[in-house]
Amino acid sequence: MSNISAYIVLIIAVILGTAANGFAKSAQGFTLLFPSMLTAVSIVGCMFTLSIVMKIIPVGVTYASFAGLCIIATTFIGIYKFNQMPDLYTIIGLALIISGVLIVNLLGKTT
């Protein structure tokens, strides 16, 4: 698997992780069966895809990228699905997260 393939699988992991976060919110503390099941399935898929990525990309870079991108994506889900608008300080923090993910992936040593 090439680095490009690993990053594609990482994006799939981010999508699954973000979906799991949205489903967890909808599960209302795991009191609703269907959203709870969707949460569990998407988390397992997310961890599986992350394990594939970690064969190629170092664990620290993988998880930093995954966590940062998942935070950003989950924020957008919160905005669109749950009408949760971030304030100025949240937006600044999210911009710093994006900067960190870019620095780790574009400037950091990955071997």
PDB file of N, CA and C in Angstrom:
ATOM      1  N   MET A   1       0.849  -1.176   0.000  1.00  0.00           N
ATOM      2  CA  MET A   1       0.000   0.000   0.000  1.00  0.00           C
ATOM      3  C   MET A   1       0.896   1.243   0.000  1.00  0.00           C
ATOM      4  N   SER A   2       0.562   2.196  -0.847  1.00  0.00           N
ATOM      5  CA  SER A   2       1.341   3.425  -0.941  1.00  0.00           C
ATOM      6  C   SER A   2       0.859   4.444   0.085  1.00  0.00           C
ATOM      7  N   ASN A   3       1.619   5.513   0.233  1.00  0.00           N
ATOM      8  CA  ASN A   3       1.212   6.590   1.134  1.00  0.00           C
ATOM      9  C   ASN A   3      -0.120   7.193   0.715  1.00  0.00           C
ATOM     10  N   ILE A   4      -0.323   7.351  -0.585  1.00  0.00           N
ATOM     11  CA  ILE A   4      -1.577   7.932  -1.076  1.00  0.00           C
ATOM     12  C   ILE A   4      -2.750   7.024  -0.691  1.00  0.00           C
ATOM     13  N   SER A   5      -2.590   5.737  -0.874  1.00  0.00           N
ATOM     14  CA  SER A   5      -3.641   4.789  -0.483  1.00  0.00           C
ATOM     15  C   SER A   5      -3.904   4.853   1.017  1.00  0.00           C
ATOM     16  N   ALA A   6      -2.833   4.979   1.791  1.00  0.00           N
ATOM     17  CA  ALA A   6      -2.986   5.060   3.247  1.00  0.00           C
ATOM     18  C   ALA A   6      -3.776   6.313   3.634  1.00  0.00           C
ATOM     19  N   TYR A   7      -3.513   7.425   2.966  1.00  0.00           N
ATOM     20  CA  TYR A   7      -4.259   8.645   3.270  1.00  0.00           C
ATOM     21  C   TYR A   7      -5.718   8.545   2.827  1.00  0.00           C
ATOM     22  N   ILE A   8      -5.972   7.818   1.767  1.00  0.00           N
ATOM     23  CA  ILE A   8      -7.367   7.589   1.349  1.00  0.00           C
ATOM     24  C   ILE A   8      -8.092   6.767   2.412  1.00  0.00           C
ATOM     25  N   VAL A   9      -7.433   5.731   2.915  1.00  0.00           N
ATOM     26  CA  VAL A   9      -8.028   4.915   3.978  1.00  0.00           C
ATOM     27  C   VAL A   9      -8.191   5.754   5.248  1.00  0.00           C
ATOM     28  N   LEU A  10      -7.252   6.665   5.505  1.00  0.00           N
ATOM     29  CA  LEU A  10      -7.374   7.562   6.662  1.00  0.00           C
ATOM     30  C   LEU A  10      -8.624   8.436   6.531  1.00  0.00           C
ATOM     31  N   ILE A  11      -8.900   8.919   5.349  1.00  0.00           N
ATOM     32  CA  ILE A  11     -10.107   9.725   5.135  1.00  0.00           C
ATOM     33  C   ILE A  11     -11.355   8.882   5.399  1.00  0.00           C
ATOM     34  N   ILE A  12     -11.320   7.617   5.006  1.00  0.00           N
ATOM     35  CA  ILE A  12     -12.452   6.718   5.304  1.00  0.00           C
ATOM     36  C   ILE A  12     -12.608   6.574   6.817  1.00  0.00           C
ATOM     37  N   ALA A  13     -11.484   6.446   7.527  1.00  0.00           N
ATOM     38  CA  ALA A  13     -11.534   6.357   8.992  1.00  0.00           C
ATOM     39  C   ALA A  13     -12.132   7.620   9.597  1.00  0.00           C
ATOM     40  N   VAL A  14     -11.767   8.771   9.065  1.00  0.00           N
ATOM     41  CA  VAL A  14     -12.312  10.039   9.555  1.00  0.00           C
ATOM     42  C   VAL A  14     -13.819  10.088   9.311  1.00  0.00           C
ATOM     43  N   ILE A  15     -14.248   9.656   8.137  1.00  0.00           N
ATOM     44  CA  ILE A  15     -15.684   9.632   7.830  1.00  0.00           C
ATOM     45  C   ILE A  15     -16.418   8.714   8.801  1.00  0.00           C
ATOM     46  N   LEU A  16     -15.865   7.529   9.041  1.00  0.00           N
ATOM     47  CA  LEU A  16     -16.493   6.588   9.975  1.00  0.00           C
ATOM     48  C   LEU A  16     -16.474   7.131  11.409  1.00  0.00           C
ATOM     49  N   GLY A  17     -15.370   7.748  11.814  1.00  0.00           N
ATOM     50  CA  GLY A  17     -15.285   8.328  13.159  1.00  0.00           C
ATOM     51  C   GLY A  17     -16.267   9.476  13.348  1.00  0.00           C
ATOM     52  N   THR A  18     -16.395  10.296  12.326  1.00  0.00           N
ATOM     53  CA  THR A  18     -17.343  11.409  12.384  1.00  0.00           C
ATOM     54  C   THR A  18     -18.775  10.889  12.422  1.00  0.00           C
ATOM     55  N   ALA A  19     -19.046   9.875  11.623  1.00  0.00           N
ATOM     56  CA  ALA A  19     -20.378   9.255  11.642  1.00  0.00           C
ATOM     57  C   ALA A  19     -20.672   8.691  13.031  1.00  0.00           C
ATOM     58  N   ALA A  20     -19.687   8.035  13.628  1.00  0.00           N
ATOM     59  CA  ALA A  20     -19.874   7.473  14.967  1.00  0.00           C
ATOM     60  C   ALA A  20     -20.214   8.569  15.972  1.00  0.00           C
ATOM     61  N   ASN A  21     -19.553   9.713  15.864  1.00  0.00           N
ATOM     62  CA  ASN A  21     -19.847  10.823  16.774  1.00  0.00           C
ATOM     63  C   ASN A  21     -21.269  11.335  16.587  1.00  0.00           C
ATOM     64  N   GLY A  22     -21.692  11.469  15.351  1.00  0.00           N
ATOM     65  CA  GLY A  22     -23.061  11.913  15.076  1.00  0.00           C
ATOM     66  C   GLY A  22     -24.095  10.912  15.558  1.00  0.00           C
ATOM     67  N   PHE A  23     -23.816   9.635  15.309  1.00  0.00           N
ATOM     68  CA  PHE A  23     -24.740   8.593  15.773  1.00  0.00           C
ATOM     69  C   PHE A  23     -24.795   8.549  17.299  1.00  0.00           C
ATOM     70  N   ALA A  24     -23.644   8.748  17.950  1.00  0.00           N
ATOM     71  CA  ALA A  24     -23.613   8.724  19.422  1.00  0.00           C
ATOM     72  C   ALA A  24     -24.476   9.839  19.995  1.00  0.00           C
ATOM     73  N   LYS A  25     -24.434  11.005  19.381  1.00  0.00           N
ATOM     74  CA  LYS A  25     -25.289  12.109  19.826  1.00  0.00           C
ATOM     75  C   LYS A  25     -26.756  11.734  19.641  1.00  0.00           C
ATOM     76  N   SER A  26     -27.080  11.122  18.510  1.00  0.00           N
ATOM     77  CA  SER A  26     -28.465  10.727  18.233  1.00  0.00           C
ATOM     78  C   SER A  26     -28.933   9.567  19.109  1.00  0.00           C
ATOM     79  N   ALA A  27     -27.986   8.784  19.637  1.00  0.00           N
ATOM     80  CA  ALA A  27     -28.341   7.627  20.459  1.00  0.00           C
ATOM     81  C   ALA A  27     -28.830   8.016  21.848  1.00  0.00           C
ATOM     82  N   GLN A  28     -28.669   9.284  22.199  1.00  0.00           N
ATOM     83  CA  GLN A  28     -29.136   9.816  23.481  1.00  0.00           C
ATOM     84  C   GLN A  28     -28.666   8.957  24.662  1.00  0.00           C
ATOM     85  N   GLY A  29     -27.341   8.877  24.777  1.00  0.00           N
ATOM     86  CA  GLY A  29     -26.772   8.104  25.883  1.00  0.00           C
ATOM     87  C   GLY A  29     -26.971   6.603  25.721  1.00  0.00           C
ATOM     88  N   PHE A  30     -27.012   6.137  24.496  1.00  0.00           N
ATOM     89  CA  PHE A  30     -27.214   4.727  24.148  1.00  0.00           C
ATOM     90  C   PHE A  30     -28.545   4.190  24.673  1.00  0.00           C
ATOM     91  N   THR A  31     -29.548   5.051  24.686  1.00  0.00           N
ATOM     92  CA  THR A  31     -30.890   4.621  25.080  1.00  0.00           C
ATOM     93  C   THR A  31     -31.754   4.265  23.874  1.00  0.00           C
ATOM     94  N   LEU A  32     -31.300   4.608  22.672  1.00  0.00           N
ATOM     95  CA  LEU A  32     -32.026   4.264  21.447  1.00  0.00           C
ATOM     96  C   LEU A  32     -31.248   3.190  20.702  1.00  0.00           C
ATOM     97  N   LEU A  33     -31.911   2.081  20.381  1.00  0.00           N
ATOM     98  CA  LEU A  33     -31.227   0.907  19.845  1.00  0.00           C
ATOM     99  C   LEU A  33     -30.555   1.158  18.500  1.00  0.00           C
ATOM    100  N   PHE A  34     -31.299   1.657  17.511  1.00  0.00           N
ATOM    101  CA  PHE A  34     -30.751   1.774  16.160  1.00  0.00           C
ATOM    102  C   PHE A  34     -29.552   2.727  16.090  1.00  0.00           C
ATOM    103  N   PRO A  35     -29.647   3.952  16.625  1.00  0.00           N
ATOM    104  CA  PRO A  35     -28.448   4.811  16.596  1.00  0.00           C
ATOM    105  C   PRO A  35     -27.293   4.231  17.406  1.00  0.00           C
ATOM    106  N   SER A  36     -27.597   3.506  18.467  1.00  0.00           N
ATOM    107  CA  SER A  36     -26.538   2.866  19.264  1.00  0.00           C
ATOM    108  C   SER A  36     -25.821   1.800  18.447  1.00  0.00           C
ATOM    109  N   MET A  37     -26.578   1.018  17.704  1.00  0.00           N
ATOM    110  CA  MET A  37     -25.975  -0.016  16.851  1.00  0.00           C
ATOM    111  C   MET A  37     -25.134   0.625  15.746  1.00  0.00           C
ATOM    112  N   LEU A  38     -25.638   1.693  15.148  1.00  0.00           N
ATOM    113  CA  LEU A  38     -24.873   2.394  14.111  1.00  0.00           C
ATOM    114  C   LEU A  38     -23.577   2.964  14.685  1.00  0.00           C
ATOM    115  N   THR A  39     -23.641   3.463  15.914  1.00  0.00           N
ATOM    116  CA  THR A  39     -22.438   3.974  16.573  1.00  0.00           C
ATOM    117  C   THR A  39     -21.407   2.863  16.716  1.00  0.00           C
ATOM    118  N   ALA A  40     -21.829   1.714  17.223  1.00  0.00           N
ATOM    119  CA  ALA A  40     -20.909   0.593  17.449  1.00  0.00           C
ATOM    120  C   ALA A  40     -20.284   0.112  16.146  1.00  0.00           C
ATOM    121  N   VAL A  41     -21.099  -0.051  15.118  1.00  0.00           N
ATOM    122  CA  VAL A  41     -20.592  -0.551  13.830  1.00  0.00           C
ATOM    123  C   VAL A  41     -19.605   0.450  13.223  1.00  0.00           C
ATOM    124  N   SER A  42     -19.932   1.738  13.278  1.00  0.00           N
ATOM    125  CA  SER A  42     -19.040   2.730  12.682  1.00  0.00           C
ATOM    126  C   SER A  42     -17.738   2.864  13.472  1.00  0.00           C
ATOM    127  N   ILE A  43     -17.798   2.684  14.788  1.00  0.00           N
ATOM    128  CA  ILE A  43     -16.559   2.724  15.581  1.00  0.00           C
ATOM    129  C   ILE A  43     -15.655   1.539  15.234  1.00  0.00           C
ATOM    130  N   VAL A  44     -16.228   0.367  15.096  1.00  0.00           N
ATOM    131  CA  VAL A  44     -15.423  -0.809  14.735  1.00  0.00           C
ATOM    132  C   VAL A  44     -14.800  -0.609  13.353  1.00  0.00           C
ATOM    133  N   GLY A  45     -15.593  -0.112  12.398  1.00  0.00           N
ATOM    134  CA  GLY A  45     -15.052   0.160  11.063  1.00  0.00           C
ATOM    135  C   GLY A  45     -13.951   1.202  11.101  1.00  0.00           C
ATOM    136  N   CYS A  46     -14.139   2.204  11.918  1.00  0.00           N
ATOM    137  CA  CYS A  46     -13.143   3.264  12.072  1.00  0.00           C
ATOM    138  C   CYS A  46     -11.830   2.695  12.609  1.00  0.00           C
ATOM    139  N   MET A  47     -11.893   1.907  13.666  1.00  0.00           N
ATOM    140  CA  MET A  47     -10.680   1.333  14.250  1.00  0.00           C
ATOM    141  C   MET A  47      -9.991   0.366  13.283  1.00  0.00           C
ATOM    142  N   PHE A  48     -10.788  -0.375  12.525  1.00  0.00           N
ATOM    143  CA  PHE A  48     -10.218  -1.287  11.526  1.00  0.00           C
ATOM    144  C   PHE A  48      -9.435  -0.505  10.470  1.00  0.00           C
ATOM    145  N   THR A  49     -10.045   0.562   9.941  1.00  0.00           N
ATOM    146  CA  THR A  49      -9.352   1.337   8.911  1.00  0.00           C
ATOM    147  C   THR A  49      -8.116   2.038   9.491  1.00  0.00           C
ATOM    148  N   LEU A  50      -8.200   2.511  10.734  1.00  0.00           N
ATOM    149  CA  LEU A  50      -7.015   3.120  11.342  1.00  0.00           C
ATOM    150  C   LEU A  50      -5.875   2.114  11.478  1.00  0.00           C
ATOM    151  N   SER A  51      -6.209   0.867  11.800  1.00  0.00           N
ATOM    152  CA  SER A  51      -5.154  -0.148  11.935  1.00  0.00           C
ATOM    153  C   SER A  51      -4.471  -0.411  10.597  1.00  0.00           C
ATOM    154  N   ILE A  52      -5.220  -0.303   9.509  1.00  0.00           N
ATOM    155  CA  ILE A  52      -4.623  -0.467   8.174  1.00  0.00           C
ATOM    156  C   ILE A  52      -3.676   0.699   7.884  1.00  0.00           C
ATOM    157  N   VAL A  53      -4.116   1.910   8.206  1.00  0.00           N
ATOM    158  CA  VAL A  53      -3.298   3.096   7.955  1.00  0.00           C
ATOM    159  C   VAL A  53      -1.996   3.024   8.737  1.00  0.00           C
ATOM    160  N   MET A  54      -2.058   2.523   9.975  1.00  0.00           N
ATOM    161  CA  MET A  54      -0.873   2.486  10.834  1.00  0.00           C
ATOM    162  C   MET A  54       0.191   1.509  10.347  1.00  0.00           C
ATOM    163  N   LYS A  55      -0.132   0.675   9.363  1.00  0.00           N
ATOM    164  CA  LYS A  55       0.891  -0.177   8.749  1.00  0.00           C
ATOM    165  C   LYS A  55       1.852   0.654   7.910  1.00  0.00           C
ATOM    166  N   ILE A  56       1.390   1.802   7.418  1.00  0.00           N
ATOM    167  CA  ILE A  56       2.186   2.630   6.511  1.00  0.00           C
ATOM    168  C   ILE A  56       2.633   3.929   7.163  1.00  0.00           C
ATOM    169  N   ILE A  57       1.695   4.632   7.802  1.00  0.00           N
ATOM    170  CA  ILE A  57       1.980   5.939   8.397  1.00  0.00           C
ATOM    171  C   ILE A  57       2.227   5.732   9.890  1.00  0.00           C
ATOM    172  N   PRO A  58       3.241   6.380  10.458  1.00  0.00           N
ATOM    173  CA  PRO A  58       3.523   6.198  11.888  1.00  0.00           C
ATOM    174  C   PRO A  58       2.297   6.489  12.761  1.00  0.00           C
ATOM    175  N   VAL A  59       2.223   5.781  13.868  1.00  0.00           N
ATOM    176  CA  VAL A  59       1.048   5.841  14.733  1.00  0.00           C
ATOM    177  C   VAL A  59       0.749   7.262  15.220  1.00  0.00           C
ATOM    178  N   GLY A  60       1.763   8.020  15.580  1.00  0.00           N
ATOM    179  CA  GLY A  60       1.540   9.382  16.066  1.00  0.00           C
ATOM    180  C   GLY A  60       0.963  10.294  15.001  1.00  0.00           C
ATOM    181  N   VAL A  61       1.500  10.198  13.793  1.00  0.00           N
ATOM    182  CA  VAL A  61       1.008  11.008  12.675  1.00  0.00           C
ATOM    183  C   VAL A  61      -0.404  10.567  12.301  1.00  0.00           C
ATOM    184  N   THR A  62      -0.619   9.253  12.279  1.00  0.00           N
ATOM    185  CA  THR A  62      -1.955   8.735  11.948  1.00  0.00           C
ATOM    186  C   THR A  62      -2.985   9.258  12.927  1.00  0.00           C
ATOM    187  N   TYR A  63      -2.710   9.099  14.209  1.00  0.00           N
ATOM    188  CA  TYR A  63      -3.721   9.469  15.197  1.00  0.00           C
ATOM    189  C   TYR A  63      -3.895  10.977  15.306  1.00  0.00           C
ATOM    190  N   ALA A  64      -2.810  11.738  15.179  1.00  0.00           N
ATOM    191  CA  ALA A  64      -2.931  13.191  15.203  1.00  0.00           C
ATOM    192  C   ALA A  64      -3.783  13.675  14.032  1.00  0.00           C
ATOM    193  N   SER A  65      -3.540  13.114  12.866  1.00  0.00           N
ATOM    194  CA  SER A  65      -4.318  13.488  11.679  1.00  0.00           C
ATOM    195  C   SER A  65      -5.768  13.071  11.841  1.00  0.00           C
ATOM    196  N   PHE A  66      -5.976  11.847  12.292  1.00  0.00           N
ATOM    197  CA  PHE A  66      -7.332  11.339  12.481  1.00  0.00           C
ATOM    198  C   PHE A  66      -8.099  12.198  13.487  1.00  0.00           C
ATOM    199  N   ALA A  67      -7.494  12.445  14.631  1.00  0.00           N
ATOM    200  CA  ALA A  67      -8.183  13.187  15.687  1.00  0.00           C
ATOM    201  C   ALA A  67      -8.494  14.611  15.243  1.00  0.00           C
ATOM    202  N   GLY A  68      -7.521  15.278  14.636  1.00  0.00           N
ATOM    203  CA  GLY A  68      -7.735  16.645  14.194  1.00  0.00           C
ATOM    204  C   GLY A  68      -8.819  16.749  13.140  1.00  0.00           C
ATOM    205  N   LEU A  69      -8.743  15.874  12.143  1.00  0.00           N
ATOM    206  CA  LEU A  69      -9.746  15.914  11.074  1.00  0.00           C
ATOM    207  C   LEU A  69     -11.126  15.516  11.589  1.00  0.00           C
ATOM    208  N   CYS A  70     -11.158  14.579  12.512  1.00  0.00           N
ATOM    209  CA  CYS A  70     -12.440  14.152  13.099  1.00  0.00           C
ATOM    210  C   CYS A  70     -13.064  15.301  13.901  1.00  0.00           C
ATOM    211  N   ILE A  71     -12.259  16.043  14.621  1.00  0.00           N
ATOM    212  CA  ILE A  71     -12.770  17.184  15.380  1.00  0.00           C
ATOM    213  C   ILE A  71     -13.383  18.209  14.438  1.00  0.00           C
ATOM    214  N   ILE A  72     -12.676  18.520  13.356  1.00  0.00           N
ATOM    215  CA  ILE A  72     -13.178  19.499  12.394  1.00  0.00           C
ATOM    216  C   ILE A  72     -14.466  18.998  11.752  1.00  0.00           C
ATOM    217  N   ALA A  73     -14.470  17.750  11.295  1.00  0.00           N
ATOM    218  CA  ALA A  73     -15.652  17.190  10.632  1.00  0.00           C
ATOM    219  C   ALA A  73     -16.838  17.104  11.592  1.00  0.00           C
ATOM    220  N   THR A  74     -16.572  16.728  12.834  1.00  0.00           N
ATOM    221  CA  THR A  74     -17.650  16.623  13.817  1.00  0.00           C
ATOM    222  C   THR A  74     -18.214  18.008  14.137  1.00  0.00           C
ATOM    223  N   THR A  75     -17.372  19.016  14.113  1.00  0.00           N
ATOM    224  CA  THR A  75     -17.866  20.386  14.311  1.00  0.00           C
ATOM    225  C   THR A  75     -18.853  20.755  13.211  1.00  0.00           C
ATOM    226  N   PHE A  76     -18.517  20.398  11.962  1.00  0.00           N
ATOM    227  CA  PHE A  76     -19.439  20.683  10.853  1.00  0.00           C
ATOM    228  C   PHE A  76     -20.742  19.898  10.987  1.00  0.00           C
ATOM    229  N   ILE A  77     -20.658  18.664  11.469  1.00  0.00           N
ATOM    230  CA  ILE A  77     -21.877  17.881  11.716  1.00  0.00           C
ATOM    231  C   ILE A  77     -22.712  18.587  12.787  1.00  0.00           C
ATOM    232  N   GLY A  78     -22.056  19.068  13.833  1.00  0.00           N
ATOM    233  CA  GLY A  78     -22.764  19.795  14.891  1.00  0.00           C
ATOM    234  C   GLY A  78     -23.457  21.043  14.365  1.00  0.00           C
ATOM    235  N   ILE A  79     -22.803  21.733  13.439  1.00  0.00           N
ATOM    236  CA  ILE A  79     -23.397  22.936  12.861  1.00  0.00           C
ATOM    237  C   ILE A  79     -24.629  22.581  12.027  1.00  0.00           C
ATOM    238  N   TYR A  80     -24.478  21.622  11.134  1.00  0.00           N
ATOM    239  CA  TYR A  80     -25.547  21.329  10.184  1.00  0.00           C
ATOM    240  C   TYR A  80     -26.660  20.454  10.744  1.00  0.00           C
ATOM    241  N   LYS A  81     -26.291  19.457  11.539  1.00  0.00           N
ATOM    242  CA  LYS A  81     -27.310  18.518  12.026  1.00  0.00           C
ATOM    243  C   LYS A  81     -27.943  18.954  13.346  1.00  0.00           C
ATOM    244  N   PHE A  82     -27.139  19.551  14.218  1.00  0.00           N
ATOM    245  CA  PHE A  82     -27.621  19.866  15.570  1.00  0.00           C
ATOM    246  C   PHE A  82     -27.712  21.366  15.848  1.00  0.00           C
ATOM    247  N   ASN A  83     -27.434  22.193  14.833  1.00  0.00           N
ATOM    248  CA  ASN A  83     -27.542  23.650  14.950  1.00  0.00           C
ATOM    249  C   ASN A  83     -26.690  24.201  16.098  1.00  0.00           C
ATOM    250  N   GLN A  84     -25.464  23.689  16.231  1.00  0.00           N
ATOM    251  CA  GLN A  84     -24.536  24.114  17.275  1.00  0.00           C
ATOM    252  C   GLN A  84     -23.474  25.020  16.658  1.00  0.00           C
ATOM    253  N   MET A  85     -23.650  26.322  16.814  1.00  0.00           N
ATOM    254  CA  MET A  85     -22.747  27.291  16.188  1.00  0.00           C
ATOM    255  C   MET A  85     -21.530  27.563  17.078  1.00  0.00           C
ATOM    256  N   PRO A  86     -20.318  27.407  16.539  1.00  0.00           N
ATOM    257  CA  PRO A  86     -19.118  27.699  17.334  1.00  0.00           C
ATOM    258  C   PRO A  86     -18.932  29.202  17.506  1.00  0.00           C
ATOM    259  N   ASP A  87     -18.357  29.595  18.646  1.00  0.00           N
ATOM    260  CA  ASP A  87     -18.053  31.007  18.875  1.00  0.00           C
ATOM    261  C   ASP A  87     -16.658  31.322  18.325  1.00  0.00           C
ATOM    262  N   LEU A  88     -16.245  32.561  18.482  1.00  0.00           N
ATOM    263  CA  LEU A  88     -14.970  33.018  17.924  1.00  0.00           C
ATOM    264  C   LEU A  88     -13.788  32.203  18.444  1.00  0.00           C
ATOM    265  N   TYR A  89     -13.776  31.941  19.747  1.00  0.00           N
ATOM    266  CA  TYR A  89     -12.649  31.198  20.320  1.00  0.00           C
ATOM    267  C   TYR A  89     -12.603  29.758  19.820  1.00  0.00           C
ATOM    268  N   THR A  90     -13.753  29.173  19.607  1.00  0.00           N
ATOM    269  CA  THR A  90     -13.810  27.822  19.048  1.00  0.00           C
ATOM    270  C   THR A  90     -13.270  27.821  17.627  1.00  0.00           C
ATOM    271  N   ILE A  91     -13.639  28.812  16.843  1.00  0.00           N
ATOM    272  CA  ILE A  91     -13.151  28.906  15.468  1.00  0.00           C
ATOM    273  C   ILE A  91     -11.632  29.083  15.444  1.00  0.00           C
ATOM    274  N   ILE A  92     -11.112  29.899  16.337  1.00  0.00           N
ATOM    275  CA  ILE A  92      -9.655  30.077  16.430  1.00  0.00           C
ATOM    276  C   ILE A  92      -8.987  28.750  16.796  1.00  0.00           C
ATOM    277  N   GLY A  93      -9.544  28.046  17.775  1.00  0.00           N
ATOM    278  CA  GLY A  93      -8.995  26.748  18.170  1.00  0.00           C
ATOM    279  C   GLY A  93      -9.029  25.742  17.034  1.00  0.00           C
ATOM    280  N   LEU A  94     -10.120  25.723  16.283  1.00  0.00           N
ATOM    281  CA  LEU A  94     -10.228  24.809  15.139  1.00  0.00           C
ATOM    282  C   LEU A  94      -9.204  25.158  14.062  1.00  0.00           C
ATOM    283  N   ALA A  95      -8.964  26.449  13.850  1.00  0.00           N
ATOM    284  CA  ALA A  95      -7.945  26.868  12.886  1.00  0.00           C
ATOM    285  C   ALA A  95      -6.561  26.390  13.330  1.00  0.00           C
ATOM    286  N   LEU A  96      -6.307  26.431  14.636  1.00  0.00           N
ATOM    287  CA  LEU A  96      -5.025  25.932  15.151  1.00  0.00           C
ATOM    288  C   LEU A  96      -4.908  24.417  14.971  1.00  0.00           C
ATOM    289  N   ILE A  97      -6.012  23.702  15.143  1.00  0.00           N
ATOM    290  CA  ILE A  97      -5.998  22.251  14.914  1.00  0.00           C
ATOM    291  C   ILE A  97      -5.675  21.957  13.457  1.00  0.00           C
ATOM    292  N   ILE A  98      -6.328  22.675  12.546  1.00  0.00           N
ATOM    293  CA  ILE A  98      -6.058  22.480  11.116  1.00  0.00           C
ATOM    294  C   ILE A  98      -4.591  22.772  10.821  1.00  0.00           C
ATOM    295  N   SER A  99      -4.063  23.845  11.401  1.00  0.00           N
ATOM    296  CA  SER A  99      -2.645  24.179  11.209  1.00  0.00           C
ATOM    297  C   SER A  99      -1.747  23.054  11.708  1.00  0.00           C
ATOM    298  N   GLY A 100      -2.078  22.515  12.863  1.00  0.00           N
ATOM    299  CA  GLY A 100      -1.283  21.420  13.419  1.00  0.00           C
ATOM    300  C   GLY A 100      -1.299  20.184  12.548  1.00  0.00           C
ATOM    301  N   VAL A 101      -2.463  19.817  12.041  1.00  0.00           N
ATOM    302  CA  VAL A 101      -2.564  18.646  11.156  1.00  0.00           C
ATOM    303  C   VAL A 101      -1.730  18.874   9.899  1.00  0.00           C
ATOM    304  N   LEU A 102      -1.812  20.073   9.331  1.00  0.00           N
ATOM    305  CA  LEU A 102      -1.024  20.379   8.126  1.00  0.00           C
ATOM    306  C   LEU A 102       0.472  20.335   8.409  1.00  0.00           C
ATOM    307  N   ILE A 103       0.890  20.898   9.534  1.00  0.00           N
ATOM    308  CA  ILE A 103       2.310  20.891   9.878  1.00  0.00           C
ATOM    309  C   ILE A 103       2.819  19.470  10.069  1.00  0.00           C
ATOM    310  N   VAL A 104       2.069  18.654  10.807  1.00  0.00           N
ATOM    311  CA  VAL A 104       2.486  17.263  11.052  1.00  0.00           C
ATOM    312  C   VAL A 104       2.626  16.497   9.744  1.00  0.00           C
ATOM    313  N   ASN A 105       1.667  16.678   8.840  1.00  0.00           N
ATOM    314  CA  ASN A 105       1.676  15.888   7.609  1.00  0.00           C
ATOM    315  C   ASN A 105       2.577  16.442   6.514  1.00  0.00           C
ATOM    316  N   LEU A 106       2.697  17.749   6.434  1.00  0.00           N
ATOM    317  CA  LEU A 106       3.478  18.323   5.333  1.00  0.00           C
ATOM    318  C   LEU A 106       4.928  18.607   5.706  1.00  0.00           C
ATOM    319  N   LEU A 107       5.194  18.913   6.962  1.00  0.00           N
ATOM    320  CA  LEU A 107       6.552  19.284   7.362  1.00  0.00           C
ATOM    321  C   LEU A 107       7.211  18.267   8.283  1.00  0.00           C
ATOM    322  N   GLY A 108       6.408  17.442   8.961  1.00  0.00           N
ATOM    323  CA  GLY A 108       6.963  16.479   9.896  1.00  0.00           C
ATOM    324  C   GLY A 108       7.596  15.290   9.180  1.00  0.00           C
ATOM    325  N   LYS A 109       8.532  14.682   9.847  1.00  0.00           N
ATOM    326  CA  LYS A 109       9.178  13.480   9.312  1.00  0.00           C
ATOM    327  C   LYS A 109       8.280  12.280   9.612  1.00  0.00           C
ATOM    328  N   THR A 110       7.906  11.536   8.591  1.00  0.00           N
ATOM    329  CA  THR A 110       6.937  10.441   8.762  1.00  0.00           C
ATOM    330  C   THR A 110       7.589   9.063   8.683  1.00  0.00           C
ATOM    331  N   THR A 111       8.889   8.971   8.766  1.00  0.00           N
ATOM    332  CA  THR A 111       9.532   7.647   8.745  1.00  0.00           C
ATOM    333  C   THR A 111      10.316   7.391   9.992  1.00  0.00           C
TER     334      THR A 111
END
